[in-house]
Amino acid sequence: MPSPQTSDVVTETRQLFTALNQGRVCDQHSVRNRIVEMNSRLVQQVAGRMVHRCSLDFDDLVQIGHLGLIKAVERFDPDAGYAFSSFAVPLIRGEILHYLRDHLSPIRVSRRLLELYSRGYKVQKDMINRFSRYPTEAQLCEALNITPERWQQACQAKRSLRLHSLDKCALDDGGESPCLVDLLTAQPQEQNESDLYAHLHYFMTCLGTDARRLLTQRVLDGLSYRELARQEGVSVRVISQRLRVTLGQLRHQLRPMVQPDAQAPQLTPPGKLHGSPPTNAYCHAHGQ
């Protein structure tokens, strides 16, 4: 049961908002300041619940929360039919959460991009429920009224917040690829690396356009299998099979380069390649 003091604050707050709405006050700035002062207890209550979840002090959270309270005073409509406290608390809490996300995260990411990704994820779920399949990237961008480049930026912003263990395999290939920590601590090999890079570039050009795009987005851009499936409009299993075949082809071609005892591959697959693989002179001339 609210105390008499709380009831007085609620009543006076309602009266002040009514006066503001009807234009019966001369100094609106002073009236808004009075509303903020009377309802500062809302900020203290929210800050008290969140102080144990972060490294900021209570007073810092109160200062940040007052920004949300000021926004609530400026946006509140007394004719909406609900109490000011019900409208203000979410804004206060949201202001604190936004500050914590933008300033305390080890990686700074645009809030607008993260909000765009969240909105796109909800739209995607609605389209899946409606059409019983994943929408293509073009369909999703059309629904969001954005360009594909903007959606890729939002996906990249979301992926940048993910932390991965150094014990994780570099590729999801059943544990055959080295761990990330091994790649970080690996010593330079004695073989001619420029020759290896030249052959890798050559073999990549031998792949089909779709296979090369999937491999690039998986390895370089860091898209997950689920994200690739949503983008291509197919199942995760199909993406897994396609990448497994592509990685198997590259592994077969590159194994003799890193394991001299392995059987040398055919450098000209039927119907795929024309000409010969690049030489070291080509590699150095093109900065590979």
Protein backbone atom coordinates (compact mmCIF):
# COMPACT_ATOMS: atom_id res chain seq x y z
CA MET A 1 0.00 0.00 0.00
CA PRO A 2 1.54 3.37 -0.99
CA SER A 3 2.48 5.74 1.77
CA PRO A 4 0.73 9.12 2.13
CA GLN A 5 3.90 10.83 0.90
CA THR A 6 3.96 8.69 -2.24
CA SER A 7 0.27 9.37 -2.86
CA ASP A 8 0.93 13.09 -2.59
CA VAL A 9 3.76 12.86 -5.15
CA VAL A 10 1.55 10.93 -7.57
CA THR A 11 -1.30 13.40 -7.16
CA GLU A 12 0.88 16.50 -7.54
CA THR A 13 2.67 14.99 -10.54
CA ARG A 14 -0.66 14.35 -12.25
CA GLN A 15 -1.80 17.90 -11.51
CA LEU A 16 1.40 19.44 -12.86
CA PHE A 17 1.23 17.41 -16.06
CA THR A 18 -2.40 18.43 -16.52
CA ALA A 19 -1.45 22.07 -16.09
CA LEU A 20 1.37 21.70 -18.62
CA ASN A 21 -0.93 19.97 -21.10
CA GLN A 22 -3.58 22.69 -20.80
CA GLY A 23 -1.04 25.52 -21.01
CA ARG A 24 -1.96 26.97 -17.61
CA VAL A 25 1.65 27.60 -16.50
CA CYS A 26 3.98 30.42 -17.47
CA ASP A 27 7.34 28.81 -16.67
CA GLN A 28 7.19 25.29 -18.12
CA HIS A 29 10.90 24.72 -17.48
CA SER A 30 10.48 25.18 -13.73
CA VAL A 31 7.44 22.90 -13.66
CA ARG A 32 9.33 20.13 -15.44
CA ASN A 33 12.23 20.51 -13.02
CA ARG A 34 9.77 20.19 -10.16
CA ILE A 35 8.39 16.94 -11.62
CA VAL A 36 11.92 15.55 -11.99
CA GLU A 37 12.78 16.41 -8.38
CA MET A 38 9.59 14.84 -7.02
CA ASN A 39 10.09 11.59 -8.97
CA SER A 40 13.81 11.13 -8.40
CA ARG A 41 12.91 8.21 -6.12
CA LEU A 42 12.11 6.22 -9.27
CA VAL A 43 15.71 6.63 -10.42
CA GLN A 44 17.03 5.57 -7.02
CA GLN A 45 14.86 2.44 -7.04
CA VAL A 46 16.07 1.38 -10.52
CA ALA A 47 19.70 2.17 -9.68
CA GLY A 48 19.44 0.18 -6.45
CA ARG A 49 18.32 -2.90 -8.38
CA MET A 50 21.10 -2.58 -10.97
CA VAL A 51 24.07 -1.53 -8.83
CA HIS A 52 25.08 -5.14 -8.16
CA ARG A 53 25.11 -6.04 -11.86
CA CYS A 54 27.86 -3.66 -12.96
CA SER A 55 31.04 -1.95 -11.81
CA LEU A 56 29.55 1.56 -11.55
CA ASP A 57 28.75 3.17 -8.21
CA PHE A 58 25.21 3.89 -7.09
CA ASP A 59 25.66 7.65 -7.51
CA ASP A 60 26.88 7.20 -11.11
CA LEU A 61 23.85 5.09 -11.95
CA VAL A 62 21.57 7.71 -10.41
CA GLN A 63 23.09 10.44 -12.57
CA ILE A 64 22.66 8.36 -15.71
CA GLY A 65 19.15 7.35 -14.73
CA HIS A 66 18.09 10.98 -14.34
CA LEU A 67 18.70 11.42 -18.07
CA GLY A 68 16.03 8.80 -18.67
CA LEU A 69 13.72 10.52 -16.16
CA ILE A 70 14.12 13.84 -18.00
CA LYS A 71 13.24 12.13 -21.29
CA ALA A 72 10.18 10.60 -19.62
CA VAL A 73 9.00 14.03 -18.41
CA GLU A 74 9.39 15.47 -21.90
CA ARG A 75 7.54 12.60 -23.62
CA PHE A 76 4.78 11.73 -21.13
CA ASP A 77 1.18 12.25 -22.22
CA PRO A 78 -1.13 12.63 -19.19
CA ASP A 79 -4.13 11.75 -21.39
CA ALA A 80 -2.71 8.29 -22.21
CA GLY A 81 -4.47 6.76 -19.22
CA TYR A 82 -1.57 5.32 -17.22
CA ALA A 83 0.61 6.51 -14.34
CA PHE A 84 3.76 8.49 -14.95
CA SER A 85 5.83 5.97 -12.99
CA SER A 86 4.78 3.17 -15.36
CA PHE A 87 6.02 5.25 -18.28
CA ALA A 88 9.21 6.55 -16.65
CA VAL A 89 10.73 3.37 -15.18
CA PRO A 90 11.40 1.64 -18.55
CA LEU A 91 13.04 4.81 -19.89
CA ILE A 92 15.22 5.13 -16.80
CA ARG A 93 16.28 1.51 -16.96
CA GLY A 94 16.87 1.71 -20.71
CA GLU A 95 19.09 4.76 -20.36
CA ILE A 96 21.26 2.97 -17.81
CA LEU A 97 21.47 -0.18 -19.93
CA HIS A 98 22.42 1.82 -23.01
CA TYR A 99 25.21 3.55 -21.10
CA LEU A 100 26.54 0.25 -19.75
CA ARG A 101 26.48 -1.32 -23.19
CA ASP A 102 28.17 1.62 -24.93
CA HIS A 103 30.81 2.45 -22.32
CA LEU A 104 31.60 -0.71 -20.38
CA SER A 105 31.72 -3.24 -23.22
CA PRO A 106 35.28 -4.20 -24.28
CA ILE A 107 34.15 -3.64 -27.88
CA ARG A 108 32.39 -0.44 -28.89
CA VAL A 109 29.57 -1.14 -31.32
CA SER A 110 27.03 1.24 -32.82
CA ARG A 111 23.77 1.08 -30.90
CA ARG A 112 21.78 1.76 -34.06
CA LEU A 113 23.34 -1.23 -35.81
CA LEU A 114 22.54 -3.50 -32.87
CA GLU A 115 18.97 -2.21 -32.76
CA LEU A 116 18.71 -2.79 -36.52
CA TYR A 117 19.92 -6.37 -36.08
CA SER A 118 17.40 -6.95 -33.30
CA ARG A 119 14.60 -5.54 -35.45
CA GLY A 120 15.72 -7.65 -38.41
CA TYR A 121 15.81 -10.78 -36.27
CA LYS A 122 12.19 -10.21 -35.19
CA VAL A 123 11.08 -9.55 -38.76
CA GLN A 124 12.89 -12.69 -39.86
CA LYS A 125 11.07 -14.81 -37.26
CA ASP A 126 7.73 -13.35 -38.39
CA MET A 127 8.50 -14.19 -42.02
CA ILE A 128 9.53 -17.73 -41.09
CA ASN A 129 6.24 -18.24 -39.25
CA ARG A 130 4.32 -16.79 -42.18
CA PHE A 131 6.04 -18.56 -45.09
CA SER A 132 7.49 -21.64 -43.29
CA ARG A 133 10.99 -20.94 -44.63
CA TYR A 134 13.91 -18.60 -44.10
CA PRO A 135 13.65 -15.37 -46.10
CA THR A 136 16.46 -14.44 -48.44
CA GLU A 137 18.64 -11.47 -47.67
CA ALA A 138 16.93 -9.43 -50.38
CA GLN A 139 13.47 -10.16 -48.95
CA LEU A 140 14.59 -9.29 -45.44
CA CYS A 141 16.18 -6.02 -46.56
CA GLU A 142 13.04 -5.10 -48.46
CA ALA A 143 10.94 -5.71 -45.35
CA LEU A 144 13.31 -3.56 -43.27
CA ASN A 145 13.58 -0.90 -46.02
CA ILE A 146 17.39 -0.96 -45.91
CA THR A 147 20.18 -1.87 -48.30
CA PRO A 148 21.96 -5.24 -48.15
CA GLU A 149 25.17 -3.42 -47.23
CA ARG A 150 23.49 -1.88 -44.18
CA TRP A 151 22.18 -5.28 -43.07
CA GLN A 152 25.65 -6.79 -43.42
CA GLN A 153 26.99 -4.00 -41.22
CA ALA A 154 24.39 -4.82 -38.58
CA CYS A 155 25.27 -8.54 -38.72
CA GLN A 156 28.97 -7.74 -38.45
CA ALA A 157 28.31 -5.49 -35.44
CA LYS A 158 26.44 -8.30 -33.72
CA ARG A 159 29.17 -10.84 -34.49
CA SER A 160 31.87 -8.53 -33.14
CA LEU A 161 30.41 -8.89 -29.63
CA ARG A 162 30.86 -12.65 -29.61
CA LEU A 163 33.82 -14.08 -27.72
CA HIS A 164 35.34 -17.38 -28.83
CA SER A 165 37.58 -19.74 -26.92
CA LEU A 166 41.15 -20.03 -28.18
CA ASP A 167 40.73 -23.80 -27.90
CA LYS A 168 38.05 -23.73 -30.60
CA CYS A 169 38.94 -25.12 -34.03
CA ALA A 170 39.54 -22.50 -36.68
CA LEU A 171 36.95 -24.21 -38.92
CA ASP A 172 33.95 -26.37 -38.12
CA ASP A 173 35.32 -29.38 -39.99
CA GLY A 174 35.04 -32.11 -37.37
CA GLY A 175 38.19 -31.19 -35.46
CA GLU A 176 40.63 -31.54 -38.38
CA SER A 177 41.63 -27.88 -38.44
CA PRO A 178 44.06 -26.45 -35.83
CA CYS A 179 42.91 -24.54 -32.77
CA LEU A 180 42.97 -20.76 -32.76
CA VAL A 181 45.70 -20.73 -30.10
CA ASP A 182 47.89 -22.91 -32.34
CA LEU A 183 47.53 -20.41 -35.14
CA LEU A 184 48.54 -17.57 -32.84
CA THR A 185 51.63 -19.33 -31.54
CA ALA A 186 52.68 -21.17 -34.69
CA GLN A 187 56.28 -20.63 -35.77
CA PRO A 188 56.99 -19.55 -39.39
CA GLN A 189 57.43 -22.55 -41.65
CA GLU A 190 60.58 -23.06 -43.69
CA GLN A 191 58.72 -23.48 -46.95
CA ASN A 192 58.22 -20.65 -49.36
CA GLU A 193 55.04 -19.04 -48.02
CA SER A 194 54.58 -16.80 -51.04
CA ASP A 195 54.32 -19.92 -53.19
CA LEU A 196 51.71 -21.36 -50.85
CA TYR A 197 49.66 -18.15 -50.93
CA ALA A 198 49.87 -18.03 -54.72
CA HIS A 199 48.52 -21.57 -55.02
CA LEU A 200 45.81 -20.85 -52.47
CA HIS A 201 44.72 -17.83 -54.49
CA TYR A 202 44.77 -19.94 -57.63
CA PHE A 203 42.70 -22.74 -56.13
CA MET A 204 40.18 -20.22 -54.77
CA THR A 205 39.63 -18.87 -58.26
CA CYS A 206 38.90 -22.44 -59.39
CA LEU A 207 35.90 -22.69 -57.11
CA GLY A 208 32.44 -21.80 -58.25
CA THR A 209 31.04 -18.39 -57.44
CA ASP A 210 28.63 -19.71 -54.80
CA ALA A 211 31.25 -21.91 -53.12
CA ARG A 212 33.79 -19.09 -53.05
CA ARG A 213 31.24 -16.70 -51.56
CA LEU A 214 30.19 -19.17 -48.85
CA LEU A 215 33.79 -19.94 -47.92
CA THR A 216 34.72 -16.26 -47.76
CA GLN A 217 31.73 -15.36 -45.59
CA ARG A 218 32.33 -18.34 -43.30
CA VAL A 219 36.11 -18.04 -42.83
CA LEU A 220 36.84 -14.33 -43.31
CA ASP A 221 33.58 -12.68 -42.28
CA GLY A 222 32.86 -15.16 -39.49
CA LEU A 223 29.23 -15.87 -40.34
CA SER A 224 27.78 -18.86 -38.54
CA TYR A 225 26.13 -21.75 -40.34
CA ARG A 226 22.73 -20.50 -39.20
CA GLU A 227 23.40 -17.00 -40.52
CA LEU A 228 24.55 -18.37 -43.86
CA ALA A 229 21.44 -20.54 -44.07
CA ARG A 230 19.18 -17.56 -43.40
CA GLN A 231 21.02 -15.52 -46.00
CA GLU A 232 20.85 -18.22 -48.68
CA GLY A 233 17.32 -19.29 -47.85
CA VAL A 234 18.27 -22.93 -47.27
CA SER A 235 18.71 -25.22 -44.28
CA VAL A 236 21.79 -25.38 -42.06
CA ARG A 237 22.38 -28.93 -43.24
CA VAL A 238 22.66 -27.80 -46.87
CA ILE A 239 25.17 -25.09 -45.91
CA SER A 240 27.18 -27.64 -43.92
CA GLN A 241 27.29 -30.05 -46.86
CA ARG A 242 28.34 -27.34 -49.31
CA LEU A 243 31.16 -26.11 -47.07
CA ARG A 244 32.30 -29.64 -46.31
CA VAL A 245 32.68 -30.36 -50.03
CA THR A 246 34.45 -27.04 -50.66
CA LEU A 247 36.86 -27.49 -47.76
CA GLY A 248 37.54 -31.04 -48.87
CA GLN A 249 38.53 -29.81 -52.32
CA LEU A 250 40.87 -27.17 -50.92
CA ARG A 251 42.34 -29.60 -48.39
CA HIS A 252 43.08 -32.08 -51.19
CA GLN A 253 44.80 -29.40 -53.26
CA LEU A 254 46.81 -27.80 -50.45
CA ARG A 255 47.86 -30.88 -48.48
CA PRO A 256 50.91 -31.56 -50.73
CA MET A 257 52.02 -27.97 -50.13
CA VAL A 258 52.25 -28.46 -46.36
CA GLN A 259 52.89 -32.23 -46.34
CA PRO A 260 55.59 -32.99 -48.93
CA ASP A 261 55.03 -36.75 -48.66
CA ALA A 262 51.42 -36.43 -49.81
CA GLN A 263 50.52 -37.13 -53.43
CA ALA A 264 50.58 -34.03 -55.59
CA PRO A 265 47.12 -32.91 -56.75
CA GLN A 266 46.01 -32.32 -60.29
CA LEU A 267 46.33 -28.60 -60.84
CA THR A 268 43.78 -28.53 -63.64
CA PRO A 269 40.43 -30.06 -62.63
CA PRO A 270 38.34 -31.01 -65.69
CA GLY A 271 36.09 -28.22 -66.85
CA LYS A 272 37.32 -25.80 -64.20
CA LEU A 273 40.79 -24.48 -64.90
CA HIS A 274 42.49 -23.08 -67.93
CA GLY A 275 46.19 -22.29 -67.95
CA SER A 276 48.75 -23.01 -65.26
CA PRO A 277 48.95 -22.06 -61.59
CA PRO A 278 50.71 -18.80 -60.73
CA THR A 279 54.43 -18.74 -60.22
CA ASN A 280 56.47 -16.88 -57.65
CA ALA A 281 57.09 -14.13 -60.20
CA TYR A 282 53.32 -13.68 -60.58
CA CYS A 283 52.93 -13.74 -56.81
CA HIS A 284 55.51 -11.01 -56.19
CA ALA A 285 54.29 -8.89 -59.08
CA HIS A 286 50.77 -8.84 -57.68
CA GLY A 287 51.75 -8.45 -54.03
CA GLN A 288 50.40 -11.86 -52.98
